[in-house]
Amino acid sequence: MQFEIVGDITEVETFASGSGIREIARLRRIYGRGRWRKRKGIAKVRLSNGSIHLAEIHWYEAAGIGRKEFKIKGLL
């Protein structure tokens, strides 16, 4: 699903890091070594059909690399 984040991400929390991330080997191979964390938060998103919703989103993040692979886990 294609979407765009509109505004800031709130209620950000880390729920997995380092070896606790199942896909750590793939992340390191694609983006490089770093202190990877899997994070979640709440944000307004604009879907491909133009509608705007509040959604829980998840992503991977590492210092010096940035936020990667955003995904919507549920619309609120």
N, C-alpha and C. Protein backbone atom coordinates (compact mmCIF):
# COMPACT_ATOMS: atom_id res chain seq x y z
N MET A 1 0.84 -1.17 0.00
CA MET A 1 0.00 0.00 0.00
C MET A 1 0.89 1.24 0.00
N GLN A 2 0.70 2.10 -0.96
CA GLN A 2 1.46 3.34 -1.03
C GLN A 2 0.81 4.37 -0.11
N PHE A 3 1.62 5.10 0.64
CA PHE A 3 1.11 6.14 1.51
C PHE A 3 2.18 7.19 1.76
N GLU A 4 1.73 8.33 2.27
CA GLU A 4 2.63 9.44 2.60
C GLU A 4 2.31 9.88 4.02
N ILE A 5 3.34 10.10 4.83
CA ILE A 5 3.13 10.56 6.19
C ILE A 5 2.90 12.06 6.15
N VAL A 6 1.81 12.50 6.78
CA VAL A 6 1.44 13.91 6.81
C VAL A 6 1.64 14.39 8.25
N GLY A 7 2.58 15.27 8.48
CA GLY A 7 2.82 15.79 9.83
C GLY A 7 3.84 14.95 10.58
N ASP A 8 3.80 15.09 11.91
CA ASP A 8 4.77 14.42 12.78
C ASP A 8 4.29 13.06 13.24
N ILE A 9 5.24 12.23 13.64
CA ILE A 9 4.93 10.92 14.22
C ILE A 9 4.94 11.10 15.74
N THR A 10 3.88 10.69 16.40
CA THR A 10 3.77 10.83 17.85
C THR A 10 3.77 9.46 18.52
N GLU A 11 3.88 9.47 19.84
CA GLU A 11 3.85 8.25 20.65
C GLU A 11 4.86 7.21 20.15
N VAL A 12 6.06 7.67 19.83
CA VAL A 12 7.10 6.79 19.28
C VAL A 12 7.68 5.92 20.38
N GLU A 13 7.80 4.64 20.11
CA GLU A 13 8.46 3.73 21.05
C GLU A 13 9.21 2.64 20.30
N THR A 14 10.28 2.18 20.92
CA THR A 14 11.09 1.10 20.38
C THR A 14 10.58 -0.20 20.97
N PHE A 15 10.33 -1.21 20.12
CA PHE A 15 9.88 -2.48 20.68
C PHE A 15 10.79 -3.65 20.31
N ALA A 16 11.85 -3.41 19.54
CA ALA A 16 12.86 -4.45 19.29
C ALA A 16 14.15 -3.76 18.88
N SER A 17 15.28 -4.36 19.25
CA SER A 17 16.56 -3.79 18.85
C SER A 17 17.60 -4.90 18.71
N GLY A 18 18.62 -4.62 17.91
CA GLY A 18 19.72 -5.57 17.74
C GLY A 18 19.26 -6.94 17.29
N SER A 19 19.70 -7.96 18.03
CA SER A 19 19.37 -9.34 17.65
C SER A 19 17.90 -9.68 17.87
N GLY A 20 17.15 -8.80 18.52
CA GLY A 20 15.71 -9.00 18.70
C GLY A 20 14.91 -8.76 17.43
N ILE A 21 15.57 -8.21 16.41
CA ILE A 21 14.92 -7.96 15.12
C ILE A 21 15.15 -9.18 14.24
N ARG A 22 14.08 -9.80 13.78
CA ARG A 22 14.20 -11.01 12.96
C ARG A 22 14.96 -10.78 11.67
N GLU A 23 14.83 -9.60 11.09
CA GLU A 23 15.41 -9.32 9.77
C GLU A 23 16.71 -8.53 9.86
N ILE A 24 17.43 -8.65 10.95
CA ILE A 24 18.64 -7.85 11.15
C ILE A 24 19.70 -8.12 10.08
N ALA A 25 19.86 -9.37 9.66
CA ALA A 25 20.86 -9.69 8.63
C ALA A 25 20.52 -9.01 7.31
N ARG A 26 19.25 -9.01 6.94
CA ARG A 26 18.82 -8.37 5.69
C ARG A 26 19.02 -6.86 5.77
N LEU A 27 18.67 -6.24 6.90
CA LEU A 27 18.86 -4.79 7.06
C LEU A 27 20.32 -4.41 6.93
N ARG A 28 21.20 -5.18 7.57
CA ARG A 28 22.64 -4.88 7.50
C ARG A 28 23.18 -5.08 6.09
N ARG A 29 22.68 -6.09 5.39
CA ARG A 29 23.14 -6.34 4.02
C ARG A 29 22.71 -5.22 3.08
N ILE A 30 21.48 -4.74 3.21
CA ILE A 30 20.94 -3.73 2.30
C ILE A 30 21.42 -2.32 2.65
N TYR A 31 21.35 -1.95 3.96
CA TYR A 31 21.59 -0.56 4.36
C TYR A 31 22.91 -0.35 5.09
N GLY A 32 23.53 -1.41 5.59
CA GLY A 32 24.79 -1.26 6.30
C GLY A 32 24.65 -1.53 7.79
N ARG A 33 25.80 -1.63 8.44
CA ARG A 33 25.82 -1.90 9.87
C ARG A 33 25.37 -0.66 10.63
N GLY A 34 24.75 -0.89 11.74
CA GLY A 34 24.28 0.21 12.58
C GLY A 34 23.56 -0.37 13.78
N ARG A 35 23.19 0.47 14.70
CA ARG A 35 22.42 0.03 15.86
C ARG A 35 20.94 0.06 15.47
N TRP A 36 20.47 -1.00 14.87
CA TRP A 36 19.12 -1.07 14.33
C TRP A 36 18.09 -1.23 15.43
N ARG A 37 16.98 -0.51 15.26
CA ARG A 37 15.84 -0.60 16.16
C ARG A 37 14.57 -0.71 15.33
N LYS A 38 13.60 -1.47 15.83
CA LYS A 38 12.28 -1.50 15.20
C LYS A 38 11.40 -0.63 16.07
N ARG A 39 10.75 0.36 15.44
CA ARG A 39 10.00 1.35 16.18
C ARG A 39 8.57 1.46 15.68
N LYS A 40 7.70 2.02 16.50
CA LYS A 40 6.32 2.25 16.09
C LYS A 40 5.85 3.59 16.62
N GLY A 41 4.83 4.13 15.97
CA GLY A 41 4.26 5.41 16.37
C GLY A 41 2.94 5.65 15.68
N ILE A 42 2.32 6.77 16.01
CA ILE A 42 1.03 7.15 15.45
C ILE A 42 1.24 8.37 14.56
N ALA A 43 0.65 8.36 13.37
CA ALA A 43 0.79 9.49 12.44
C ALA A 43 -0.42 9.57 11.52
N LYS A 44 -0.66 10.77 10.99
CA LYS A 44 -1.65 10.93 9.93
C LYS A 44 -0.99 10.52 8.63
N VAL A 45 -1.69 9.72 7.84
CA VAL A 45 -1.16 9.26 6.56
C VAL A 45 -2.16 9.56 5.45
N ARG A 46 -1.63 9.87 4.28
CA ARG A 46 -2.45 10.05 3.09
C ARG A 46 -2.28 8.81 2.23
N LEU A 47 -3.36 8.10 2.00
CA LEU A 47 -3.33 6.88 1.20
C LEU A 47 -3.32 7.22 -0.28
N SER A 48 -3.09 6.23 -1.11
CA SER A 48 -2.98 6.44 -2.55
C SER A 48 -4.27 6.96 -3.17
N ASN A 49 -5.42 6.72 -2.51
CA ASN A 49 -6.68 7.24 -3.04
C ASN A 49 -6.98 8.66 -2.58
N GLY A 50 -6.06 9.26 -1.80
CA GLY A 50 -6.21 10.64 -1.37
C GLY A 50 -6.81 10.83 0.01
N SER A 51 -7.34 9.78 0.60
CA SER A 51 -7.95 9.91 1.92
C SER A 51 -6.87 9.99 3.00
N ILE A 52 -7.19 10.72 4.08
CA ILE A 52 -6.26 10.89 5.18
C ILE A 52 -6.82 10.17 6.40
N HIS A 53 -5.96 9.37 7.05
CA HIS A 53 -6.36 8.58 8.21
C HIS A 53 -5.28 8.67 9.29
N LEU A 54 -5.67 8.42 10.52
CA LEU A 54 -4.73 8.25 11.61
C LEU A 54 -4.34 6.77 11.61
N ALA A 55 -3.05 6.47 11.67
CA ALA A 55 -2.60 5.08 11.55
C ALA A 55 -1.45 4.79 12.48
N GLU A 56 -1.34 3.51 12.87
CA GLU A 56 -0.15 3.04 13.57
C GLU A 56 0.82 2.59 12.50
N ILE A 57 2.04 3.14 12.56
CA ILE A 57 3.05 2.77 11.58
C ILE A 57 4.26 2.17 12.27
N HIS A 58 4.94 1.28 11.58
CA HIS A 58 6.17 0.64 12.06
C HIS A 58 7.28 0.93 11.06
N TRP A 59 8.52 1.00 11.54
CA TRP A 59 9.67 1.21 10.67
C TRP A 59 10.93 0.74 11.37
N TYR A 60 12.01 0.64 10.59
CA TYR A 60 13.34 0.33 11.12
C TYR A 60 14.15 1.61 11.11
N GLU A 61 15.03 1.77 12.12
CA GLU A 61 15.81 3.00 12.22
C GLU A 61 17.19 2.69 12.78
N ALA A 62 18.20 3.37 12.26
CA ALA A 62 19.57 3.25 12.78
C ALA A 62 20.22 4.62 12.71
N ALA A 63 21.03 4.94 13.70
CA ALA A 63 21.75 6.21 13.73
C ALA A 63 22.70 6.29 12.54
N GLY A 64 22.71 7.41 11.87
CA GLY A 64 23.57 7.60 10.72
C GLY A 64 23.00 7.04 9.43
N ILE A 65 21.97 6.23 9.52
CA ILE A 65 21.34 5.63 8.34
C ILE A 65 19.95 6.21 8.14
N GLY A 66 19.20 6.36 9.22
CA GLY A 66 17.88 6.96 9.15
C GLY A 66 16.76 5.94 9.25
N ARG A 67 15.56 6.42 8.98
CA ARG A 67 14.35 5.59 9.04
C ARG A 67 14.14 4.90 7.70
N LYS A 68 13.85 3.61 7.74
CA LYS A 68 13.68 2.82 6.52
C LYS A 68 12.45 1.93 6.64
N GLU A 69 11.85 1.61 5.51
CA GLU A 69 10.80 0.61 5.36
C GLU A 69 9.59 0.86 6.25
N PHE A 70 8.93 1.98 6.05
CA PHE A 70 7.70 2.27 6.78
C PHE A 70 6.59 1.34 6.33
N LYS A 71 5.74 0.95 7.27
CA LYS A 71 4.56 0.15 6.91
C LYS A 71 3.42 0.50 7.84
N ILE A 72 2.21 0.47 7.32
CA ILE A 72 1.02 0.72 8.12
C ILE A 72 0.60 -0.60 8.76
N LYS A 73 0.46 -0.60 10.08
CA LYS A 73 0.02 -1.81 10.79
C LYS A 73 -1.46 -1.79 11.07
N GLY A 74 -2.06 -0.61 11.06
CA GLY A 74 -3.51 -0.53 11.27
C GLY A 74 -3.98 0.90 11.22
N LEU A 75 -5.20 1.09 10.71
CA LEU A 75 -5.83 2.41 10.70
C LEU A 75 -6.60 2.58 12.00
N LEU A 76 -6.52 3.76 12.58
CA LEU A 76 -7.19 4.01 13.86
C LEU A 76 -8.44 4.84 13.69
